[in-house]
Amino acid sequence: MVNVTPNNRLNVLLAHDSEGWQDNVRRLLEPQGVQTLAVRSGREALEIIQSTPVHVAVLDQQMPHLGGLQVIRLLRDQKNAPTSILLANHLTDHLLHEALGMRVFSVLSKPVDLNMLLDALARVLRKRYASRWPSES
């Protein structure tokens, strides 16, 4: 079980097989009060989401043991499913159509421009949480 403290403003799951990428994103977000939870496989992502409050899940399309879209598909009918941001090596029309059909909030091309990720997270806050941290709602 991951320890999420009550003073965290936003809980973001980083499901990506690169620990270095996760560390870079963590160093960027945590000083702002954002709790980051890092996993390296789709199965680990599902376990965290089912046991811990997660507001946003950043999911790599190509992870071991379930890719990002597979995780989203399995979570689609859950009441408290997090908002999903998908990371993909190759953005094809088919992938974009499938992701949008599953209500993925944003699809970002890899390698991920961190400014684009920050922009997507800011848009999640505006749209899903009325520009407020979820803990303030």
C-alpha atoms as a PDB file:
ATOM      1  CA  MET A   1       0.000   0.000   0.000  1.00  0.00           C
ATOM      2  CA  VAL A   2       1.294   3.444  -0.917  1.00  0.00           C
ATOM      3  CA  ASN A   3       1.207   6.132   1.736  1.00  0.00           C
ATOM      4  CA  VAL A   4      -0.712   9.155   0.492  1.00  0.00           C
ATOM      5  CA  THR A   5      -0.812  11.944   3.027  1.00  0.00           C
ATOM      6  CA  PRO A   6      -3.878  14.178   3.416  1.00  0.00           C
ATOM      7  CA  ASN A   7      -1.964  17.366   2.528  1.00  0.00           C
ATOM      8  CA  ASN A   8      -1.205  16.201  -1.010  1.00  0.00           C
ATOM      9  CA  ARG A   9      -3.029  18.365  -3.487  1.00  0.00           C
ATOM     10  CA  LEU A  10      -3.008  15.960  -6.419  1.00  0.00           C
ATOM     11  CA  ASN A  11      -2.029  12.282  -6.683  1.00  0.00           C
ATOM     12  CA  VAL A  12      -0.458  11.378 -10.023  1.00  0.00           C
ATOM     13  CA  LEU A  13       0.448   7.831 -10.995  1.00  0.00           C
ATOM     14  CA  LEU A  14       3.434   7.583 -13.342  1.00  0.00           C
ATOM     15  CA  ALA A  15       3.265   4.222 -15.101  1.00  0.00           C
ATOM     16  CA  HIS A  16       6.357   4.104 -17.293  1.00  0.00           C
ATOM     17  CA  ASP A  17       9.179   1.603 -17.641  1.00  0.00           C
ATOM     18  CA  SER A  18      11.912   4.267 -17.361  1.00  0.00           C
ATOM     19  CA  GLU A  19      12.878   5.055 -13.795  1.00  0.00           C
ATOM     20  CA  GLY A  20      14.892   8.071 -15.006  1.00  0.00           C
ATOM     21  CA  TRP A  21      11.818   9.582 -16.662  1.00  0.00           C
ATOM     22  CA  GLN A  22       9.778   9.002 -13.509  1.00  0.00           C
ATOM     23  CA  ASP A  23      12.470  10.700 -11.397  1.00  0.00           C
ATOM     24  CA  ASN A  24      12.505  13.754 -13.693  1.00  0.00           C
ATOM     25  CA  VAL A  25       8.725  14.134 -13.505  1.00  0.00           C
ATOM     26  CA  ARG A  26       8.738  13.564  -9.741  1.00  0.00           C
ATOM     27  CA  ARG A  27      11.359  16.318  -9.229  1.00  0.00           C
ATOM     28  CA  LEU A  28       9.200  18.649 -11.301  1.00  0.00           C
ATOM     29  CA  LEU A  29       5.852  17.941  -9.583  1.00  0.00           C
ATOM     30  CA  GLU A  30       6.556  17.169  -5.939  1.00  0.00           C
ATOM     31  CA  PRO A  31       7.785  20.664  -4.950  1.00  0.00           C
ATOM     32  CA  GLN A  32       4.290  21.863  -5.971  1.00  0.00           C
ATOM     33  CA  GLY A  33       2.615  19.493  -3.492  1.00  0.00           C
ATOM     34  CA  VAL A  34       1.823  16.835  -6.079  1.00  0.00           C
ATOM     35  CA  GLN A  35       2.245  13.265  -4.827  1.00  0.00           C
ATOM     36  CA  THR A  36       3.741  11.033  -7.510  1.00  0.00           C
ATOM     37  CA  LEU A  37       3.401   7.273  -7.423  1.00  0.00           C
ATOM     38  CA  ALA A  38       5.712   5.381  -9.759  1.00  0.00           C
ATOM     39  CA  VAL A  39       5.245   1.908 -11.235  1.00  0.00           C
ATOM     40  CA  ARG A  40       6.879   0.136 -14.151  1.00  0.00           C
ATOM     41  CA  SER A  41       4.125  -2.185 -15.402  1.00  0.00           C
ATOM     42  CA  GLY A  42       0.427  -2.155 -16.196  1.00  0.00           C
ATOM     43  CA  ARG A  43      -0.340  -4.714 -13.491  1.00  0.00           C
ATOM     44  CA  GLU A  44       1.363  -2.542 -10.874  1.00  0.00           C
ATOM     45  CA  ALA A  45      -0.639   0.436 -12.138  1.00  0.00           C
ATOM     46  CA  LEU A  46      -3.904  -1.477 -11.647  1.00  0.00           C
ATOM     47  CA  GLU A  47      -2.895  -2.520  -8.123  1.00  0.00           C
ATOM     48  CA  ILE A  48      -2.082   1.055  -7.101  1.00  0.00           C
ATOM     49  CA  ILE A  49      -5.246   2.504  -8.637  1.00  0.00           C
ATOM     50  CA  GLN A  50      -7.401  -0.080  -6.883  1.00  0.00           C
ATOM     51  CA  SER A  51      -5.796   0.517  -3.469  1.00  0.00           C
ATOM     52  CA  THR A  52      -4.867   4.214  -3.439  1.00  0.00           C
ATOM     53  CA  PRO A  53      -6.663   7.438  -4.374  1.00  0.00           C
ATOM     54  CA  VAL A  54      -5.228   8.459  -7.752  1.00  0.00           C
ATOM     55  CA  HIS A  55      -6.484  11.599  -9.501  1.00  0.00           C
ATOM     56  CA  VAL A  56      -4.469  11.298 -12.725  1.00  0.00           C
ATOM     57  CA  ALA A  57      -2.823   8.242 -14.256  1.00  0.00           C
ATOM     58  CA  VAL A  58      -0.047   8.886 -16.775  1.00  0.00           C
ATOM     59  CA  LEU A  59       0.210   5.563 -18.608  1.00  0.00           C
ATOM     60  CA  ASP A  60       2.770   4.438 -21.152  1.00  0.00           C
ATOM     61  CA  GLN A  61       1.124   2.587 -24.028  1.00  0.00           C
ATOM     62  CA  GLN A  62       3.970   0.046 -24.122  1.00  0.00           C
ATOM     63  CA  MET A  63       4.537  -1.324 -20.623  1.00  0.00           C
ATOM     64  CA  PRO A  64       5.202  -4.878 -19.526  1.00  0.00           C
ATOM     65  CA  HIS A  65       2.190  -6.845 -18.277  1.00  0.00           C
ATOM     66  CA  LEU A  66      -0.580  -4.682 -19.799  1.00  0.00           C
ATOM     67  CA  GLY A  67      -0.142  -1.542 -21.866  1.00  0.00           C
ATOM     68  CA  GLY A  68      -1.700   1.806 -21.077  1.00  0.00           C
ATOM     69  CA  LEU A  69      -4.860   1.289 -23.156  1.00  0.00           C
ATOM     70  CA  GLN A  70      -5.376  -2.149 -21.623  1.00  0.00           C
ATOM     71  CA  VAL A  71      -5.208  -0.628 -18.131  1.00  0.00           C
ATOM     72  CA  ILE A  72      -7.668   2.091 -19.145  1.00  0.00           C
ATOM     73  CA  ARG A  73     -10.022  -0.514 -20.632  1.00  0.00           C
ATOM     74  CA  LEU A  74      -9.995  -2.482 -17.366  1.00  0.00           C
ATOM     75  CA  LEU A  75     -10.684   0.661 -15.314  1.00  0.00           C
ATOM     76  CA  ARG A  76     -13.267   2.175 -17.631  1.00  0.00           C
ATOM     77  CA  ASP A  77     -16.315   1.180 -15.582  1.00  0.00           C
ATOM     78  CA  GLN A  78     -14.861   1.893 -12.144  1.00  0.00           C
ATOM     79  CA  LYS A  79     -16.584   4.686 -10.285  1.00  0.00           C
ATOM     80  CA  ASN A  80     -13.407   6.397  -9.082  1.00  0.00           C
ATOM     81  CA  ALA A  81     -11.193   5.725 -12.091  1.00  0.00           C
ATOM     82  CA  PRO A  82      -8.498   8.379 -12.476  1.00  0.00           C
ATOM     83  CA  THR A  83      -8.292  10.754 -15.393  1.00  0.00           C
ATOM     84  CA  SER A  84      -5.930   9.137 -17.918  1.00  0.00           C
ATOM     85  CA  ILE A  85      -3.101  10.591 -19.956  1.00  0.00           C
ATOM     86  CA  LEU A  86      -1.633   8.136 -22.462  1.00  0.00           C
ATOM     87  CA  LEU A  87       1.980   8.209 -23.684  1.00  0.00           C
ATOM     88  CA  ALA A  88       2.669   6.580 -27.056  1.00  0.00           C
ATOM     89  CA  ASN A  89       5.704   6.002 -29.269  1.00  0.00           C
ATOM     90  CA  HIS A  90       3.686   6.235 -32.478  1.00  0.00           C
ATOM     91  CA  LEU A  91       0.519   8.287 -32.696  1.00  0.00           C
ATOM     92  CA  THR A  92      -1.618   6.648 -35.332  1.00  0.00           C
ATOM     93  CA  ASP A  93      -5.174   7.508 -36.293  1.00  0.00           C
ATOM     94  CA  HIS A  94      -6.257   4.103 -35.004  1.00  0.00           C
ATOM     95  CA  LEU A  95      -4.605   4.649 -31.600  1.00  0.00           C
ATOM     96  CA  LEU A  96      -6.042   8.153 -31.251  1.00  0.00           C
ATOM     97  CA  HIS A  97      -9.522   6.952 -32.221  1.00  0.00           C
ATOM     98  CA  GLU A  98      -9.347   4.066 -29.743  1.00  0.00           C
ATOM     99  CA  ALA A  99      -8.017   6.301 -26.947  1.00  0.00           C
ATOM    100  CA  LEU A 100     -10.653   8.965 -27.483  1.00  0.00           C
ATOM    101  CA  GLY A 101     -13.332   6.273 -27.550  1.00  0.00           C
ATOM    102  CA  MET A 102     -12.186   5.238 -24.080  1.00  0.00           C
ATOM    103  CA  ARG A 103     -12.298   8.844 -22.870  1.00  0.00           C
ATOM    104  CA  VAL A 104      -8.550   9.248 -22.482  1.00  0.00           C
ATOM    105  CA  PHE A 105      -8.043  12.871 -21.497  1.00  0.00           C
ATOM    106  CA  SER A 106      -4.880  13.414 -23.540  1.00  0.00           C
ATOM    107  CA  VAL A 107      -2.484  11.422 -25.727  1.00  0.00           C
ATOM    108  CA  LEU A 108       1.128  12.593 -25.764  1.00  0.00           C
ATOM    109  CA  SER A 109       3.865  11.498 -28.118  1.00  0.00           C
ATOM    110  CA  LYS A 110       7.074  10.007 -26.761  1.00  0.00           C
ATOM    111  CA  PRO A 111       9.627  11.208 -25.965  1.00  0.00           C
ATOM    112  CA  VAL A 112       7.355  13.317 -23.798  1.00  0.00           C
ATOM    113  CA  ASP A 113       7.940  17.040 -23.736  1.00  0.00           C
ATOM    114  CA  LEU A 114       7.589  17.842 -20.013  1.00  0.00           C
ATOM    115  CA  ASN A 115       5.940  21.178 -20.831  1.00  0.00           C
ATOM    116  CA  MET A 116       3.239  19.282 -22.743  1.00  0.00           C
ATOM    117  CA  LEU A 117       2.730  16.987 -19.745  1.00  0.00           C
ATOM    118  CA  LEU A 118       2.475  19.975 -17.395  1.00  0.00           C
ATOM    119  CA  ASP A 119      -0.040  21.556 -19.757  1.00  0.00           C
ATOM    120  CA  ALA A 120      -2.121  18.357 -19.808  1.00  0.00           C
ATOM    121  CA  LEU A 121      -2.084  18.197 -15.987  1.00  0.00           C
ATOM    122  CA  ALA A 122      -3.136  21.866 -15.784  1.00  0.00           C
ATOM    123  CA  ARG A 123      -6.002  21.146 -18.201  1.00  0.00           C
ATOM    124  CA  VAL A 124      -7.100  18.213 -16.006  1.00  0.00           C
ATOM    125  CA  LEU A 125      -7.242  20.554 -13.010  1.00  0.00           C
ATOM    126  CA  ARG A 126      -9.253  23.138 -14.951  1.00  0.00           C
ATOM    127  CA  LYS A 127     -11.720  20.715 -16.464  1.00  0.00           C
ATOM    128  CA  ARG A 128     -12.163  18.046 -13.772  1.00  0.00           C
ATOM    129  CA  TYR A 129     -11.596  20.071 -10.620  1.00  0.00           C
ATOM    130  CA  ALA A 130     -12.707  23.612 -11.561  1.00  0.00           C
ATOM    131  CA  SER A 131      -9.108  24.923 -11.360  1.00  0.00           C
ATOM    132  CA  ARG A 132      -8.797  23.772  -7.724  1.00  0.00           C
ATOM    133  CA  TRP A 133      -6.615  21.078  -6.223  1.00  0.00           C
ATOM    134  CA  PRO A 134      -8.800  17.988  -5.643  1.00  0.00           C
ATOM    135  CA  SER A 135      -8.063  18.095  -1.905  1.00  0.00           C
ATOM    136  CA  GLU A 136      -9.712  21.549  -1.751  1.00  0.00           C
ATOM    137  CA  SER A 137     -12.939  20.366  -3.377  1.00  0.00           C
END
